[in-house]
C-alpha atoms as a PDB file:
ATOM      1  CA  MET A   1       0.235   0.149 -26.843  1.00  0.00           C
ATOM      2  CA  ARG A   2       3.472  -0.390 -24.943  1.00  0.00           C
ATOM      3  CA  PRO A   3       3.316  -2.159 -21.571  1.00  0.00           C
ATOM      4  CA  ARG A   4       2.779   0.161 -18.635  1.00  0.00           C
ATOM      5  CA  ARG A   5       3.119  -0.146 -14.869  1.00  0.00           C
ATOM      6  CA  VAL A   6       0.108   1.349 -13.109  1.00  0.00           C
ATOM      7  CA  PHE A   7       0.682   1.991  -9.410  1.00  0.00           C
ATOM      8  CA  VAL A   8      -2.377   2.658  -7.261  1.00  0.00           C
ATOM      9  CA  GLY A   9      -2.765   3.965  -3.723  1.00  0.00           C
ATOM     10  CA  ASP A  10      -4.631   2.364  -0.838  1.00  0.00           C
ATOM     11  CA  VAL A  11      -7.772   0.732  -2.266  1.00  0.00           C
ATOM     12  CA  GLN A  12      -9.095  -0.545   1.078  1.00  0.00           C
ATOM     13  CA  GLY A  13     -11.955  -2.483  -0.423  1.00  0.00           C
ATOM     14  CA  CYS A  14     -13.167   0.308  -2.722  1.00  0.00           C
ATOM     15  CA  ARG A  15     -13.590  -2.009  -5.706  1.00  0.00           C
ATOM     16  CA  ASP A  16     -15.953   0.224  -7.696  1.00  0.00           C
ATOM     17  CA  GLU A  17     -13.571   3.162  -7.469  1.00  0.00           C
ATOM     18  CA  LEU A  18     -10.694   0.895  -8.512  1.00  0.00           C
ATOM     19  CA  LEU A  19     -12.575  -0.216 -11.613  1.00  0.00           C
ATOM     20  CA  ARG A  20     -13.425   3.384 -12.501  1.00  0.00           C
ATOM     21  CA  LEU A  21      -9.812   4.372 -12.001  1.00  0.00           C
ATOM     22  CA  LEU A  22      -8.548   1.635 -14.287  1.00  0.00           C
ATOM     23  CA  ASP A  23     -11.068   2.672 -16.923  1.00  0.00           C
ATOM     24  CA  ALA A  24      -9.777   6.233 -16.649  1.00  0.00           C
ATOM     25  CA  CYS A  25      -6.230   4.903 -17.113  1.00  0.00           C
ATOM     26  CA  GLU A  26      -7.342   2.831 -20.127  1.00  0.00           C
ATOM     27  CA  PHE A  27      -5.795  -0.111 -18.329  1.00  0.00           C
ATOM     28  CA  ASP A  28      -5.285  -3.186 -20.511  1.00  0.00           C
ATOM     29  CA  SER A  29      -4.588  -6.308 -18.467  1.00  0.00           C
ATOM     30  CA  ALA A  30      -3.193  -7.990 -21.582  1.00  0.00           C
ATOM     31  CA  CYS A  31      -0.132  -5.752 -21.514  1.00  0.00           C
ATOM     32  CA  ASP A  32      -0.289  -3.416 -18.500  1.00  0.00           C
ATOM     33  CA  THR A  33       0.502  -4.484 -14.926  1.00  0.00           C
ATOM     34  CA  LEU A  34      -1.250  -3.207 -11.808  1.00  0.00           C
ATOM     35  CA  HIS A  35       0.814  -2.572  -8.686  1.00  0.00           C
ATOM     36  CA  PRO A  36      -1.230  -1.705  -5.559  1.00  0.00           C
ATOM     37  CA  ALA A  37       0.718   0.019  -2.790  1.00  0.00           C
ATOM     38  CA  GLY A  38      -0.758  -2.192  -0.076  1.00  0.00           C
ATOM     39  CA  ASP A  39      -3.877  -1.983   2.074  1.00  0.00           C
ATOM     40  CA  VAL A  40      -6.074  -3.420  -0.632  1.00  0.00           C
ATOM     41  CA  VAL A  41      -8.650  -4.476   1.988  1.00  0.00           C
ATOM     42  CA  ASN A  42     -10.568  -3.225   5.027  1.00  0.00           C
ATOM     43  CA  ARG A  43     -12.722  -0.264   6.023  1.00  0.00           C
ATOM     44  CA  GLY A  44     -14.244  -0.068   2.531  1.00  0.00           C
ATOM     45  CA  PRO A  45     -17.377  -1.799   1.204  1.00  0.00           C
ATOM     46  CA  ASP A  46     -16.028  -4.687  -0.892  1.00  0.00           C
ATOM     47  CA  SER A  47     -12.784  -6.234   0.284  1.00  0.00           C
ATOM     48  CA  LEU A  48     -13.878  -9.620  -1.060  1.00  0.00           C
ATOM     49  CA  GLY A  49     -14.586  -8.306  -4.554  1.00  0.00           C
ATOM     50  CA  THR A  50     -11.353  -6.336  -4.524  1.00  0.00           C
ATOM     51  CA  LEU A  51      -9.277  -9.403  -3.690  1.00  0.00           C
ATOM     52  CA  ARG A  52     -11.037 -11.502  -6.324  1.00  0.00           C
ATOM     53  CA  PHE A  53     -10.461  -8.878  -8.991  1.00  0.00           C
ATOM     54  CA  LEU A  54      -6.805  -8.299  -8.141  1.00  0.00           C
ATOM     55  CA  ARG A  55      -6.108 -12.033  -8.107  1.00  0.00           C
ATOM     56  CA  GLU A  56      -7.932 -12.499 -11.397  1.00  0.00           C
ATOM     57  CA  ILE A  57      -5.871  -9.916 -13.260  1.00  0.00           C
ATOM     58  CA  GLY A  58      -2.590 -10.964 -11.655  1.00  0.00           C
ATOM     59  CA  ALA A  59      -1.932  -7.713  -9.797  1.00  0.00           C
ATOM     60  CA  GLU A  60       1.550  -7.459  -8.317  1.00  0.00           C
ATOM     61  CA  GLY A  61       1.428  -5.339  -5.182  1.00  0.00           C
ATOM     62  CA  VAL A  62       2.947  -5.187  -1.727  1.00  0.00           C
ATOM     63  CA  LEU A  63       1.556  -5.945   1.708  1.00  0.00           C
ATOM     64  CA  GLY A  64       0.159  -3.182   3.901  1.00  0.00           C
ATOM     65  CA  ASN A  65      -0.796  -3.156   7.562  1.00  0.00           C
ATOM     66  CA  HIS A  66      -4.486  -3.840   6.831  1.00  0.00           C
ATOM     67  CA  ASP A  67      -3.526  -6.783   4.631  1.00  0.00           C
ATOM     68  CA  LEU A  68      -1.427  -8.199   7.463  1.00  0.00           C
ATOM     69  CA  HIS A  69      -4.351  -7.674   9.837  1.00  0.00           C
ATOM     70  CA  LEU A  70      -6.572  -9.787   7.592  1.00  0.00           C
ATOM     71  CA  LEU A  71      -3.997 -12.565   7.237  1.00  0.00           C
ATOM     72  CA  ARG A  72      -3.371 -12.716  10.967  1.00  0.00           C
ATOM     73  CA  ALA A  73      -7.072 -12.617  11.808  1.00  0.00           C
ATOM     74  CA  ALA A  74      -7.662 -15.491   9.396  1.00  0.00           C
ATOM     75  CA  ALA A  75      -4.910 -17.457  11.135  1.00  0.00           C
ATOM     76  CA  GLY A  76      -6.462 -16.800  14.559  1.00  0.00           C
ATOM     77  CA  ALA A  77      -3.584 -14.600  15.679  1.00  0.00           C
ATOM     78  CA  ARG A  78      -5.706 -11.448  15.895  1.00  0.00           C
ATOM     79  CA  GLU A  79      -9.332 -10.545  16.453  1.00  0.00           C
ATOM     80  CA  LEU A  80     -11.340  -8.288  14.189  1.00  0.00           C
ATOM     81  CA  GLY A  81     -12.337  -4.919  15.579  1.00  0.00           C
ATOM     82  CA  PRO A  82     -15.614  -3.001  15.240  1.00  0.00           C
ATOM     83  CA  LYS A  83     -14.232  -0.895  12.359  1.00  0.00           C
ATOM     84  CA  ASP A  84     -13.097  -3.872  10.280  1.00  0.00           C
ATOM     85  CA  THR A  85     -15.033  -4.899   7.176  1.00  0.00           C
ATOM     86  CA  LEU A  86     -13.425  -8.269   6.554  1.00  0.00           C
ATOM     87  CA  ASP A  87     -16.113 -10.791   7.514  1.00  0.00           C
ATOM     88  CA  GLU A  88     -17.092 -11.488   3.897  1.00  0.00           C
ATOM     89  CA  VAL A  89     -13.523 -12.459   3.064  1.00  0.00           C
ATOM     90  CA  LEU A  90     -13.213 -14.750   6.067  1.00  0.00           C
ATOM     91  CA  THR A  91     -16.466 -16.573   5.289  1.00  0.00           C
ATOM     92  CA  ALA A  92     -16.064 -16.793   1.494  1.00  0.00           C
ATOM     93  CA  ASP A  93     -15.904 -20.193  -0.215  1.00  0.00           C
ATOM     94  CA  ASP A  94     -12.675 -19.149  -1.923  1.00  0.00           C
ATOM     95  CA  ARG A  95     -11.069 -17.551   1.132  1.00  0.00           C
ATOM     96  CA  ASP A  96      -8.126 -19.951   1.169  1.00  0.00           C
ATOM     97  CA  GLU A  97      -7.190 -19.165  -2.420  1.00  0.00           C
ATOM     98  CA  LEU A  98      -7.575 -15.430  -1.868  1.00  0.00           C
ATOM     99  CA  LEU A  99      -5.580 -15.434   1.356  1.00  0.00           C
ATOM    100  CA  ALA A 100      -2.836 -17.507  -0.238  1.00  0.00           C
ATOM    101  CA  TRP A 101      -2.601 -15.011  -3.084  1.00  0.00           C
ATOM    102  CA  LEU A 102      -2.465 -12.114  -0.636  1.00  0.00           C
ATOM    103  CA  ALA A 103       0.133 -13.765   1.595  1.00  0.00           C
ATOM    104  CA  ALA A 104       2.357 -14.330  -1.442  1.00  0.00           C
ATOM    105  CA  GLN A 105       2.689 -10.595  -2.042  1.00  0.00           C
ATOM    106  CA  PRO A 106       6.058  -9.234  -0.843  1.00  0.00           C
ATOM    107  CA  PHE A 107       6.736  -6.276   1.433  1.00  0.00           C
ATOM    108  CA  VAL A 108       8.620  -4.436  -1.297  1.00  0.00           C
ATOM    109  CA  ARG A 109       9.027  -4.605  -5.065  1.00  0.00           C
ATOM    110  CA  ALA A 110      11.869  -2.990  -6.946  1.00  0.00           C
ATOM    111  CA  TRP A 111      12.736  -2.166 -10.532  1.00  0.00           C
ATOM    112  CA  ASP A 112      15.690  -0.281 -11.952  1.00  0.00           C
ATOM    113  CA  ASP A 113      13.747   2.972 -11.662  1.00  0.00           C
ATOM    114  CA  VAL A 114      11.033   2.408  -9.016  1.00  0.00           C
ATOM    115  CA  VAL A 115      10.686   0.965  -5.516  1.00  0.00           C
ATOM    116  CA  LEU A 116       7.206   0.112  -4.225  1.00  0.00           C
ATOM    117  CA  VAL A 117       6.483  -0.186  -0.493  1.00  0.00           C
ATOM    118  CA  HIS A 118       3.371   0.368   1.582  1.00  0.00           C
ATOM    119  CA  ALA A 119       4.545   2.863   4.204  1.00  0.00           C
ATOM    120  CA  GLY A 120       8.249   3.609   3.886  1.00  0.00           C
ATOM    121  CA  LEU A 121      11.872   2.500   3.798  1.00  0.00           C
ATOM    122  CA  HIS A 122      14.373   2.328   6.639  1.00  0.00           C
ATOM    123  CA  PRO A 123      17.403   4.627   6.201  1.00  0.00           C
ATOM    124  CA  ALA A 124      19.745   1.653   6.665  1.00  0.00           C
ATOM    125  CA  TRP A 125      18.200  -0.399   3.846  1.00  0.00           C
ATOM    126  CA  LYS A 126      20.535   0.015   0.904  1.00  0.00           C
ATOM    127  CA  ASP A 127      18.836  -3.007  -0.663  1.00  0.00           C
ATOM    128  CA  PRO A 128      15.200  -3.018   0.520  1.00  0.00           C
ATOM    129  CA  VAL A 129      14.398  -6.270  -1.292  1.00  0.00           C
ATOM    130  CA  ALA A 130      17.140  -8.115   0.577  1.00  0.00           C
ATOM    131  CA  ALA A 131      16.257  -6.408   3.856  1.00  0.00           C
ATOM    132  CA  LEU A 132      12.630  -7.517   3.652  1.00  0.00           C
ATOM    133  CA  ALA A 133      13.091 -10.973   2.178  1.00  0.00           C
ATOM    134  CA  ASP A 134      11.895 -14.168   3.864  1.00  0.00           C
ATOM    135  CA  ILE A 135       9.647 -12.485   6.449  1.00  0.00           C
ATOM    136  CA  ASP A 136       6.586 -14.473   7.487  1.00  0.00           C
ATOM    137  CA  PRO A 137       3.574 -12.142   7.162  1.00  0.00           C
ATOM    138  CA  LEU A 138       1.886 -13.963  10.041  1.00  0.00           C
ATOM    139  CA  GLU A 139       4.663 -13.078  12.486  1.00  0.00           C
ATOM    140  CA  ARG A 140       5.523  -9.710  13.974  1.00  0.00           C
ATOM    141  CA  ASP A 141       8.875  -8.473  12.727  1.00  0.00           C
ATOM    142  CA  GLU A 142      10.508  -5.070  13.229  1.00  0.00           C
ATOM    143  CA  ARG A 143      11.354  -4.862   9.536  1.00  0.00           C
ATOM    144  CA  SER A 144       7.849  -5.559   8.260  1.00  0.00           C
ATOM    145  CA  ASP A 145       6.384  -3.291  10.960  1.00  0.00           C
ATOM    146  CA  PHE A 146       8.572  -0.483   9.648  1.00  0.00           C
ATOM    147  CA  ALA A 147       7.759  -1.116   5.998  1.00  0.00           C
ATOM    148  CA  THR A 148       4.000  -1.217   6.624  1.00  0.00           C
ATOM    149  CA  ARG A 149       3.551   1.386   9.369  1.00  0.00           C
ATOM    150  CA  VAL A 150       6.268   4.045   9.394  1.00  0.00           C
ATOM    151  CA  ARG A 151       5.442   7.691   8.892  1.00  0.00           C
ATOM    152  CA  TYR A 152       8.071   9.420  11.033  1.00  0.00           C
ATOM    153  CA  CYS A 153      11.528   8.275  12.131  1.00  0.00           C
ATOM    154  CA  ASP A 154      14.916   9.680  13.059  1.00  0.00           C
ATOM    155  CA  ALA A 155      18.146   9.304  11.085  1.00  0.00           C
ATOM    156  CA  GLU A 156      18.749   5.847  12.622  1.00  0.00           C
ATOM    157  CA  GLY A 157      15.257   4.626  11.796  1.00  0.00           C
ATOM    158  CA  ASN A 158      13.816   4.851  15.306  1.00  0.00           C
ATOM    159  CA  ARG A 159      10.086   5.584  15.278  1.00  0.00           C
ATOM    160  CA  PRO A 160       8.146   7.796  17.699  1.00  0.00           C
ATOM    161  CA  ASP A 161       5.483   6.411  20.005  1.00  0.00           C
ATOM    162  CA  ALA A 162       2.762   8.139  17.963  1.00  0.00           C
ATOM    163  CA  ASP A 163       2.449   9.822  14.572  1.00  0.00           C
ATOM    164  CA  TRP A 164      -0.238  12.349  15.467  1.00  0.00           C
ATOM    165  CA  PRO A 165       0.105  15.090  16.489  1.00  0.00           C
ATOM    166  CA  ALA A 166       3.269  15.276  14.406  1.00  0.00           C
ATOM    167  CA  PRO A 167       6.201  14.348  16.651  1.00  0.00           C
ATOM    168  CA  GLU A 168       8.963  16.799  17.478  1.00  0.00           C
ATOM    169  CA  PRO A 169      12.599  16.497  16.322  1.00  0.00           C
ATOM    170  CA  PRO A 170      14.605  14.353  15.915  1.00  0.00           C
ATOM    171  CA  PHE A 171      11.637  12.658  14.250  1.00  0.00           C
ATOM    172  CA  GLU A 172      10.891  13.645  10.665  1.00  0.00           C
ATOM    173  CA  PRO A 173       8.972  12.098   7.775  1.00  0.00           C
ATOM    174  CA  TRP A 174      10.784   8.875   6.863  1.00  0.00           C
ATOM    175  CA  TRP A 175      11.535  10.055   3.336  1.00  0.00           C
ATOM    176  CA  ARG A 176      13.888  12.742   4.642  1.00  0.00           C
ATOM    177  CA  HIS A 177      16.285   9.946   5.603  1.00  0.00           C
ATOM    178  CA  TRP A 178      16.085   7.739   2.498  1.00  0.00           C
ATOM    179  CA  PRO A 179      18.031   6.959   0.430  1.00  0.00           C
ATOM    180  CA  ALA A 180      21.205   7.019   2.437  1.00  0.00           C
ATOM    181  CA  ASP A 181      23.063   6.668  -0.864  1.00  0.00           C
ATOM    182  CA  ALA A 182      22.497   9.869  -2.847  1.00  0.00           C
ATOM    183  CA  LYS A 183      23.297   7.944  -6.036  1.00  0.00           C
ATOM    184  CA  ASP A 184      20.064   5.973  -5.707  1.00  0.00           C
ATOM    185  CA  GLU A 185      17.728   7.883  -8.002  1.00  0.00           C
ATOM    186  CA  ARG A 186      14.815   5.449  -8.015  1.00  0.00           C
ATOM    187  CA  VAL A 187      11.330   6.789  -7.446  1.00  0.00           C
ATOM    188  CA  VAL A 188       9.748   5.458  -4.241  1.00  0.00           C
ATOM    189  CA  VAL A 189       6.015   4.790  -4.539  1.00  0.00           C
ATOM    190  CA  PHE A 190       4.152   4.392  -1.252  1.00  0.00           C
ATOM    191  CA  GLY A 191       0.760   4.714   0.420  1.00  0.00           C
ATOM    192  CA  HIS A 192      -0.367   4.554   4.061  1.00  0.00           C
ATOM    193  CA  TRP A 193      -0.386   8.297   4.784  1.00  0.00           C
ATOM    194  CA  ALA A 194      -3.876   9.624   4.077  1.00  0.00           C
ATOM    195  CA  ARG A 195      -3.346  12.596   6.357  1.00  0.00           C
ATOM    196  CA  GLN A 196      -0.401  13.666   4.203  1.00  0.00           C
ATOM    197  CA  GLY A 197      -2.511  12.991   1.105  1.00  0.00           C
ATOM    198  CA  LEU A 198      -1.236  12.875  -2.441  1.00  0.00           C
ATOM    199  CA  PHE A 199       2.460  13.631  -2.114  1.00  0.00           C
ATOM    200  CA  LEU A 200       4.712  14.372  -5.067  1.00  0.00           C
ATOM    201  CA  ARG A 201       8.418  15.112  -5.029  1.00  0.00           C
ATOM    202  CA  PRO A 202      11.083  14.363  -7.625  1.00  0.00           C
ATOM    203  CA  ARG A 203      11.772  10.869  -6.270  1.00  0.00           C
ATOM    204  CA  LEU A 204       8.574  10.302  -4.279  1.00  0.00           C
ATOM    205  CA  ARG A 205       5.019   9.364  -5.190  1.00  0.00           C
ATOM    206  CA  GLY A 206       2.792   9.132  -2.109  1.00  0.00           C
ATOM    207  CA  LEU A 207      -0.483   7.803  -3.487  1.00  0.00           C
ATOM    208  CA  ASP A 208      -2.744   7.421  -0.445  1.00  0.00           C
ATOM    209  CA  SER A 209      -5.295  10.107  -1.250  1.00  0.00           C
ATOM    210  CA  GLY A 210      -7.926   8.820   1.172  1.00  0.00           C
ATOM    211  CA  CYS A 211     -10.472   7.095  -1.055  1.00  0.00           C
ATOM    212  CA  VAL A 212     -12.047   5.129   1.788  1.00  0.00           C
ATOM    213  CA  TRP A 213     -12.468   8.394   3.710  1.00  0.00           C
ATOM    214  CA  GLY A 214     -14.477   9.913   0.834  1.00  0.00           C
ATOM    215  CA  LYS A 215     -11.658  11.580  -1.089  1.00  0.00           C
ATOM    216  CA  GLU A 216      -9.939  10.172  -4.190  1.00  0.00           C
ATOM    217  CA  LEU A 217      -8.285   7.015  -5.456  1.00  0.00           C
ATOM    218  CA  THR A 218      -5.042   7.775  -7.262  1.00  0.00           C
ATOM    219  CA  ALA A 219      -2.906   5.982  -9.831  1.00  0.00           C
ATOM    220  CA  TRP A 220       0.539   6.852 -11.142  1.00  0.00           C
ATOM    221  CA  ILE A 221       1.462   5.497 -14.568  1.00  0.00           C
ATOM    222  CA  ALA A 222       5.238   5.173 -14.438  1.00  0.00           C
ATOM    223  CA  GLU A 223       5.952   5.073 -18.169  1.00  0.00           C
ATOM    224  CA  GLU A 224       4.002   8.294 -18.697  1.00  0.00           C
ATOM    225  CA  ASP A 225       4.835   9.930 -15.345  1.00  0.00           C
ATOM    226  CA  ARG A 226       1.141  10.708 -15.189  1.00  0.00           C
ATOM    227  CA  LEU A 227      -1.370  10.827 -12.346  1.00  0.00           C
ATOM    228  CA  VAL A 228      -4.980   9.731 -12.715  1.00  0.00           C
ATOM    229  CA  GLN A 229      -7.646  10.183 -10.026  1.00  0.00           C
ATOM    230  CA  VAL A 230     -11.296   9.330  -9.497  1.00  0.00           C
ATOM    231  CA  PRO A 231     -13.465  10.578  -6.619  1.00  0.00           C
ATOM    232  CA  ALA A 232     -14.907   8.222  -4.039  1.00  0.00           C
ATOM    233  CA  ALA A 233     -18.634   7.634  -4.328  1.00  0.00           C
ATOM    234  CA  ARG A 234     -18.902   8.506  -0.630  1.00  0.00           C
ATOM    235  CA  ALA A 235     -17.054   8.243   2.642  1.00  0.00           C
ATOM    236  CA  TYR A 236     -17.062   4.614   3.761  1.00  0.00           C
ATOM    237  CA  ALA A 237     -15.370   5.131   7.131  1.00  0.00           C
ATOM    238  CA  ALA A 238     -14.695   7.888   9.640  1.00  0.00           C
ATOM    239  CA  PHE A 239     -11.208   9.295   9.143  1.00  0.00           C
ATOM    240  CA  ASP A 240      -8.592   7.994  11.577  1.00  0.00           C
ATOM    241  CA  GLY A 241      -5.443   8.113   9.421  1.00  0.00           C
END
């Protein structure tokens, strides 16, 4: 079997669904690589088990806003809220190792044919890897905020005050403004937008299909240009995406 890159949408602590999804993909950790699109923790039932599994198999993902929330809460920079399900991670014997692994994940990964980011890419970022390099995940930064939270922006990358209800022009979904260079034909894989759901366009793979809200967990196998989905066992959280 040739090596494959398996990209997966927001897991959010849904470890059992992740394992079922990888079985459905016939994932082989000896040759395949797993690339989560961020938000691997929180709101779901097993953030601790999810982190342990991803670290064990050497998953290579990107940071999402819920991942940053965990890292900052662990550092004492934020407090957990009533909807968070992160206590098991913060009290685990191996928390330091798990948090170090998570903090080492970048905000973007890029190949010749694919770019992976949690939420979206700024229209001015001709080189997203360079634009998002050397950002401390424990510190607020406009660039990492954009990469992990954007849904709508204008042509200059300005974001609206709120994403729902859908804002009026000049704000549009971020992907209408990227890439600025029409010669960039890479596929952008992202998550973060459960309300939009599974989103497929020629150069876009939006994989947040709302597993933690009781919908599906989705993978895209790049080398086969193939989608694989498994249903959630149940809704683990009330929808607020």
